[in-house]
Amino acid sequence: MSRGGKAPVRPCSILAAGGKRGLVKLIHPRNNVAYGEFRASRKALSVLCFNHNQGNFFFTGSYDNKIIMWDIGGVDSSYNFKVVQLLVLEVSSTPLHICLPPTSPGSHLLTASDDGLHCFNTQLGTSSSTKSRSNEMEITFPIYEEEDKEHDYHTIDGLSFLTDDIIASKSHMHCSIYLWSWSRTRSQRPNKESRSVCAVVLAELQWASTNIPYLALNTCPGRAYIACGDDKGRIWTYHITNLPKNSFQIGKPIPPTQVLEWPSPTRKGLDQTEGPSINSVAMDPELRYLVALSDKNMVIVWRREESS
C-alpha cells in the first residue's frame, strides 16, 4: 500500500478487519484511523488475506462459499481510495483458511474448508482469465482412506506454509499434523475425473486426540517453528530442523518438541479456570512471543526465554 497526494508516494501498512456484516474496514494503524470500508459480501466473512508481495491485492472469504480477489489500490493523504473486484473463486463450502504460496503468490491460492483443500489459479491477464473460476484441483491426504460413517477427515482446519515449499496442515479428528511438499504435489497430474492429487507427505507430527474442530495451527517460518493449540488449553510446539536433508517415514508421528501446559489462572473468589479450546495462535517473526486466543474470551501470551 502507499500514500500519495502532494507529498511523494511512500509505502504504508494497512490493517483490514471484517465479520458478520460482510463489510471490510480499512485501518491505517500508525495514525489510528479507520479511513474507509467496503462491502465484500452480503453474508458473514470467514477469512481475510493480503498478498504479501503486492499489498493492494486482497482476498475475502465468506459464508456464501466464495473467495473474492480485490484491488484496494492505494490511499492518498486525504484517505481517498478505490476498490475494484478482480476475481470470484467458487468454493464448495465456507473457506476456513487462505494461503498464497510464497514463491508464486500472484498465480495460485490454496483454501481449506469443510470440504477439503483446493487450489485455484489466480493469475490475471491470461487467455483463460475470467471473472469467476472454479477450483483447479483438489489436494487429498492419506488419512482420507480411513474415513467411515463416524470419521470424516475432509475438514481441513489448519493450513500454513513453513518454508517456501513445505506446508503444515491438519484435518479435524486426525490426531496428527501433516508436513507436505507444495512443489512435488503441484507437479503431479490431477485425476481427470476428480481433478485431485494426493499430497506428497514428508512427515507426520503427533498432535492431540480431540473431536473439537477449528483449532488452527500457525507457523513461524524464520524459526522453523509450528504451534497448534488443543481443547485443554495446551499449545503443542514443533521445532522442525533439517527437514529438507532428512528422509522422514510416514506412519509413526514425530512427537512435539514441547507442550506448553495451560497456566491455570485464578480469579479472586473463583476457582481455577479449566483449560479452554485454543482456537488460534500467532507468533512474531523472531519467535519472541506466542499469543493464543481461546474460546473463553481469554488471550494467553507466552514469552520465549533464551536458554543459557
Protein backbone atom coordinates (compact mmCIF):
# COMPACT_ATOMS: atom_id res chain seq x y z
CA MET A 1 0.00 0.00 0.00
CA SER A 2 1.11 3.60 -0.50
CA ARG A 3 0.09 7.11 0.43
CA GLY A 4 0.28 9.96 -2.01
CA GLY A 5 -1.28 13.38 -2.51
CA LYS A 6 1.01 16.38 -2.86
CA ALA A 7 3.73 14.63 -0.87
CA PRO A 8 5.83 11.90 -2.51
CA VAL A 9 4.22 8.48 -2.55
CA ARG A 10 5.51 6.30 0.27
CA PRO A 11 4.62 2.81 1.48
CA CYS A 12 2.32 2.37 4.45
CA SER A 13 0.87 -0.57 6.35
CA ILE A 14 -2.87 -1.19 6.23
CA LEU A 15 -4.95 -3.35 8.56
CA ALA A 16 -8.21 -4.92 7.37
CA ALA A 17 -11.00 -6.25 9.59
CA GLY A 18 -14.30 -7.88 8.69
CA GLY A 19 -17.03 -10.03 10.20
CA LYS A 20 -20.75 -10.80 10.36
CA ARG A 21 -21.98 -7.86 8.31
CA GLY A 22 -19.85 -8.68 5.29
CA LEU A 23 -18.09 -5.32 5.48
CA VAL A 24 -14.33 -4.82 5.40
CA LYS A 25 -12.94 -1.94 7.45
CA LEU A 26 -9.64 -0.46 6.25
CA ILE A 27 -7.44 0.91 9.02
CA HIS A 28 -4.23 2.95 8.99
CA PRO A 29 -2.77 1.68 12.30
CA ARG A 30 0.09 4.17 12.57
CA ASN A 31 -2.37 7.06 12.62
CA ASN A 32 -5.09 5.05 14.40
CA VAL A 33 -7.59 5.89 11.65
CA ALA A 34 -10.33 3.68 10.19
CA TYR A 35 -10.39 5.52 6.89
CA GLY A 36 -12.94 3.53 4.92
CA GLU A 37 -14.99 0.41 4.35
CA PHE A 38 -16.48 -1.60 1.52
CA ARG A 39 -18.98 -4.44 1.23
CA ALA A 40 -17.28 -7.71 0.34
CA SER A 41 -20.36 -9.93 0.69
CA ARG A 42 -23.96 -9.98 1.85
CA LYS A 43 -23.00 -12.93 4.05
CA ALA A 44 -20.62 -13.00 7.00
CA LEU A 45 -16.90 -13.07 6.24
CA SER A 46 -14.89 -16.11 7.31
CA VAL A 47 -11.33 -15.22 6.31
CA LEU A 48 -9.24 -12.28 5.04
CA CYS A 49 -5.82 -12.38 3.39
CA PHE A 50 -3.41 -9.88 1.80
CA ASN A 51 -1.00 -10.76 -0.99
CA HIS A 52 2.34 -10.30 0.80
CA ASN A 53 4.14 -9.41 -2.45
CA GLN A 54 1.55 -6.95 -3.71
CA GLY A 55 -0.23 -5.31 -0.81
CA ASN A 56 -3.07 -3.82 -2.86
CA PHE A 57 -4.31 -7.34 -3.74
CA PHE A 58 -6.67 -8.57 -1.05
CA PHE A 59 -8.81 -11.70 -0.65
CA THR A 60 -12.05 -12.17 1.28
CA GLY A 61 -13.76 -15.49 2.00
CA SER A 62 -17.41 -15.61 3.02
CA TYR A 63 -20.28 -17.87 4.07
CA ASP A 64 -21.78 -17.80 0.58
CA ASN A 65 -18.93 -20.14 -0.42
CA LYS A 66 -16.98 -17.53 -2.35
CA ILE A 67 -13.49 -16.09 -2.27
CA ILE A 68 -13.18 -12.70 -3.93
CA MET A 69 -9.93 -11.09 -5.04
CA TRP A 70 -9.89 -7.30 -4.76
CA ASP A 71 -7.57 -4.49 -5.76
CA ILE A 72 -7.94 -2.00 -2.91
CA GLY A 73 -5.43 0.36 -4.54
CA GLY A 74 -3.51 2.93 -2.57
CA VAL A 75 -4.63 5.69 -0.25
CA ASP A 76 -3.72 9.36 -0.58
CA SER A 77 -3.05 11.94 2.10
CA SER A 78 -6.80 12.63 2.33
CA TYR A 79 -7.54 8.90 2.72
CA ASN A 80 -9.26 8.61 -0.64
CA PHE A 81 -9.21 5.07 -2.03
CA LYS A 82 -10.84 2.89 -4.69
CA VAL A 83 -11.74 -0.81 -4.55
CA VAL A 84 -12.05 -2.97 -7.69
CA GLN A 85 -13.26 -6.59 -7.80
CA LEU A 86 -10.88 -8.75 -9.85
CA LEU A 87 -11.89 -12.40 -9.41
CA VAL A 88 -14.59 -14.57 -7.85
CA LEU A 89 -13.49 -18.06 -6.83
CA GLU A 90 -16.32 -20.57 -6.35
CA VAL A 91 -15.70 -22.82 -3.31
CA SER A 92 -17.74 -25.92 -2.44
CA SER A 93 -18.12 -24.86 1.22
CA THR A 94 -17.21 -21.97 3.51
CA PRO A 95 -13.49 -21.16 3.23
CA LEU A 96 -11.70 -21.53 6.58
CA HIS A 97 -8.15 -20.58 5.63
CA ILE A 98 -6.42 -18.97 2.65
CA CYS A 99 -2.74 -19.48 1.81
CA LEU A 100 -0.71 -17.96 -1.01
CA PRO A 101 2.47 -19.85 -1.98
CA PRO A 102 5.47 -17.65 -1.00
CA THR A 103 7.16 -18.17 -4.38
CA SER A 104 4.04 -17.63 -6.51
CA PRO A 105 1.50 -15.51 -4.59
CA GLY A 106 0.20 -14.00 -7.81
CA SER A 107 -0.70 -17.22 -9.57
CA HIS A 108 -2.08 -19.73 -7.04
CA LEU A 109 -4.26 -19.78 -3.95
CA LEU A 110 -4.89 -22.64 -1.51
CA THR A 111 -8.07 -22.69 0.51
CA ALA A 112 -9.00 -25.05 3.33
CA SER A 113 -12.65 -25.78 4.04
CA ASP A 114 -15.07 -28.36 5.45
CA ASP A 115 -14.97 -29.97 2.02
CA GLY A 116 -11.20 -30.42 1.79
CA LEU A 117 -8.25 -28.48 0.41
CA HIS A 118 -8.48 -26.87 -3.01
CA CYS A 119 -6.12 -25.00 -5.30
CA PHE A 120 -7.15 -22.10 -7.55
CA ASN A 121 -5.44 -20.32 -10.41
CA THR A 122 -5.47 -16.59 -9.60
CA GLN A 123 -3.22 -15.36 -12.38
CA LEU A 124 -4.57 -12.26 -14.07
CA GLY A 125 -4.39 -11.31 -17.72
CA THR A 126 -4.15 -14.83 -19.14
CA SER A 127 -6.08 -16.25 -22.07
CA SER A 128 -8.18 -18.27 -19.61
CA SER A 129 -8.80 -15.25 -17.43
CA THR A 130 -12.43 -15.00 -16.31
CA LYS A 131 -14.17 -13.14 -13.55
CA SER A 132 -15.45 -16.37 -11.97
CA ARG A 133 -13.40 -19.55 -11.56
CA SER A 134 -13.80 -22.98 -10.03
CA ASN A 135 -11.00 -24.88 -8.35
CA GLU A 136 -8.06 -26.03 -10.47
CA MET A 137 -7.53 -29.17 -8.37
CA GLU A 138 -8.23 -30.77 -5.01
CA ILE A 139 -5.37 -31.92 -2.78
CA THR A 140 -6.16 -35.09 -0.84
CA PHE A 141 -4.40 -36.78 2.09
CA PRO A 142 -3.65 -40.39 3.10
CA ILE A 143 -5.98 -40.15 6.12
CA TYR A 144 -8.96 -39.91 3.73
CA GLU A 145 -8.61 -43.65 3.08
CA GLU A 146 -9.58 -44.33 6.71
CA GLU A 147 -12.91 -42.47 6.56
CA ASP A 148 -16.10 -44.20 7.63
CA LYS A 149 -19.58 -43.19 8.83
CA GLU A 150 -18.18 -41.81 12.09
CA HIS A 151 -14.98 -40.25 10.79
CA ASP A 152 -14.86 -37.58 8.10
CA TYR A 153 -11.38 -36.15 7.70
CA HIS A 154 -12.18 -33.71 4.88
CA THR A 155 -12.45 -30.70 7.20
CA ILE A 156 -9.04 -29.04 6.87
CA ASP A 157 -8.99 -26.66 9.84
CA GLY A 158 -5.28 -25.80 9.86
CA LEU A 159 -3.09 -24.60 6.97
CA SER A 160 0.15 -22.60 6.82
CA PHE A 161 3.46 -22.54 4.92
CA LEU A 162 6.52 -23.46 6.99
CA THR A 163 9.01 -22.74 4.18
CA ASP A 164 8.70 -21.67 0.56
CA ASP A 165 7.79 -25.27 -0.27
CA ILE A 166 6.70 -27.08 2.90
CA ILE A 167 3.12 -26.76 4.13
CA ALA A 168 1.72 -27.73 7.52
CA SER A 169 -1.93 -28.79 7.56
CA LYS A 170 -4.28 -30.80 9.72
CA SER A 171 -7.66 -32.44 9.45
CA HIS A 172 -10.41 -32.38 12.05
CA MET A 173 -10.46 -35.65 14.05
CA HIS A 174 -6.97 -36.64 12.85
CA CYS A 175 -4.51 -36.56 15.75
CA SER A 176 -1.57 -35.65 13.51
CA ILE A 177 -0.30 -32.67 11.54
CA TYR A 178 0.93 -33.34 8.01
CA LEU A 179 4.03 -31.70 6.56
CA TRP A 180 3.97 -31.92 2.77
CA SER A 181 5.70 -30.54 -0.30
CA TRP A 182 3.83 -27.96 -2.36
CA SER A 183 6.10 -28.23 -5.44
CA ARG A 184 6.08 -32.05 -5.57
CA THR A 185 2.32 -32.14 -5.03
CA ARG A 186 1.73 -29.46 -7.64
CA SER A 187 3.87 -31.25 -10.24
CA GLN A 188 1.58 -34.29 -10.27
CA ARG A 189 -1.01 -34.73 -12.99
CA PRO A 190 -4.53 -34.47 -11.49
CA ASN A 191 -7.02 -37.30 -11.87
CA LYS A 192 -9.14 -36.45 -14.93
CA GLU A 193 -12.47 -37.23 -13.27
CA SER A 194 -11.93 -35.87 -9.76
CA ARG A 195 -9.26 -33.30 -10.62
CA SER A 196 -7.42 -34.40 -7.47
CA VAL A 197 -3.84 -35.19 -6.46
CA CYS A 198 -2.57 -36.73 -3.24
CA ALA A 199 -0.28 -34.56 -1.13
CA VAL A 200 3.36 -35.67 -1.12
CA VAL A 201 3.68 -36.05 2.65
CA LEU A 202 7.13 -35.57 4.18
CA ALA A 203 6.29 -36.13 7.84
CA GLU A 204 3.53 -36.55 10.41
CA LEU A 205 3.63 -34.64 13.68
CA GLN A 206 1.90 -36.04 16.76
CA TRP A 207 -0.95 -33.82 17.96
CA ALA A 208 -3.86 -34.03 20.42
CA SER A 209 -6.69 -36.54 20.16
CA THR A 210 -9.87 -34.46 20.09
CA ASN A 211 -13.18 -34.17 18.24
CA ILE A 212 -13.26 -30.37 18.58
CA PRO A 213 -12.96 -28.72 15.14
CA TYR A 214 -11.42 -25.44 14.01
CA LEU A 215 -8.34 -25.43 16.26
CA ALA A 216 -6.00 -23.71 13.83
CA LEU A 217 -2.24 -24.16 13.63
CA ASN A 218 0.30 -21.50 12.70
CA THR A 219 3.94 -21.35 11.64
CA CYS A 220 6.97 -19.15 12.22
CA PRO A 221 8.98 -19.75 9.03
CA GLY A 222 12.01 -17.74 10.14
CA ARG A 223 12.46 -20.04 13.14
CA ALA A 224 11.17 -23.29 11.56
CA TYR A 225 8.50 -23.45 14.25
CA ILE A 226 4.94 -24.77 14.29
CA ALA A 227 2.37 -24.25 17.05
CA CYS A 228 -1.16 -25.56 17.50
CA GLY A 229 -3.49 -25.42 20.48
CA ASP A 230 -5.86 -28.13 21.67
CA ASP A 231 -9.14 -28.35 23.61
CA LYS A 232 -7.44 -28.40 27.04
CA GLY A 233 -5.62 -25.08 26.82
CA ARG A 234 -2.30 -26.59 25.80
CA ILE A 235 -0.02 -25.41 22.97
CA TRP A 236 1.76 -28.13 21.02
CA THR A 237 5.02 -26.82 19.56
CA TYR A 238 7.39 -28.28 16.99
CA HIS A 239 10.87 -27.12 16.01
CA ILE A 240 11.45 -28.58 12.56
CA THR A 241 15.20 -28.69 11.87
CA ASN A 242 16.99 -30.04 8.80
CA LEU A 243 13.73 -31.20 7.24
CA PRO A 244 15.00 -30.98 3.62
CA LYS A 245 18.02 -33.15 4.48
CA ASN A 246 16.18 -35.83 6.42
CA SER A 247 14.11 -38.62 4.96
CA PHE A 248 11.04 -38.89 7.17
CA GLN A 249 8.99 -42.07 7.13
CA ILE A 250 5.20 -41.93 7.19
CA GLY A 251 3.44 -43.98 9.85
CA LYS A 252 4.98 -43.08 13.19
CA PRO A 253 4.23 -39.44 14.07
CA ILE A 254 7.07 -37.28 15.34
CA PRO A 255 6.43 -36.15 18.94
CA PRO A 256 6.21 -32.42 19.73
CA THR A 257 9.31 -30.50 20.76
CA GLN A 258 7.41 -29.12 23.75
CA VAL A 259 3.84 -28.92 25.01
CA LEU A 260 3.03 -25.69 26.84
CA GLU A 261 0.58 -26.61 29.58
CA TRP A 262 -2.43 -24.48 30.45
CA PRO A 263 -1.26 -21.97 33.12
CA SER A 264 -4.47 -22.44 35.21
CA PRO A 265 -5.10 -18.76 36.06
CA THR A 266 -7.27 -17.93 39.08
CA ARG A 267 -9.72 -15.10 39.67
CA LYS A 268 -10.48 -13.61 43.04
CA GLY A 269 -13.25 -15.58 44.70
CA LEU A 270 -13.41 -18.11 41.88
CA ASP A 271 -11.89 -21.50 41.22
CA GLN A 272 -9.14 -22.09 38.71
CA THR A 273 -10.19 -21.72 35.09
CA GLU A 274 -10.15 -25.02 33.24
CA GLY A 275 -8.20 -25.24 30.04
CA PRO A 276 -10.24 -23.83 27.14
CA SER A 277 -10.08 -24.66 23.46
CA ILE A 278 -7.29 -22.72 21.76
CA ASN A 279 -8.85 -21.50 18.53
CA SER A 280 -5.78 -19.85 17.04
CA VAL A 281 -2.17 -18.98 17.75
CA ALA A 282 0.19 -16.32 16.41
CA MET A 283 3.92 -15.68 16.67
CA ASP A 284 6.17 -12.74 15.83
CA PRO A 285 8.84 -13.35 13.14
CA GLU A 286 11.62 -13.68 15.74
CA LEU A 287 9.58 -16.04 17.94
CA ARG A 288 9.92 -13.82 20.99
CA TYR A 289 6.22 -14.07 21.78
CA LEU A 290 3.46 -16.59 21.18
CA VAL A 291 -0.15 -15.45 21.52
CA ALA A 292 -3.08 -17.85 21.88
CA LEU A 293 -6.77 -16.97 21.53
CA SER A 294 -9.22 -19.17 23.44
CA ASP A 295 -12.96 -19.82 23.27
CA LYS A 296 -13.42 -18.31 26.76
CA ASN A 297 -12.59 -14.73 25.73
CA MET A 298 -9.09 -15.11 27.11
CA VAL A 299 -5.83 -14.25 25.33
CA ILE A 300 -2.71 -16.01 26.60
CA VAL A 301 0.72 -14.51 25.86
CA TRP A 302 3.87 -16.60 26.14
CA ARG A 303 7.37 -15.09 26.06
CA ARG A 304 10.30 -17.19 24.92
CA GLU A 305 13.40 -17.12 27.10
CA GLU A 306 16.76 -17.95 25.58
CA SER A 307 18.41 -20.95 27.20
CA SER A 308 21.64 -20.10 28.97
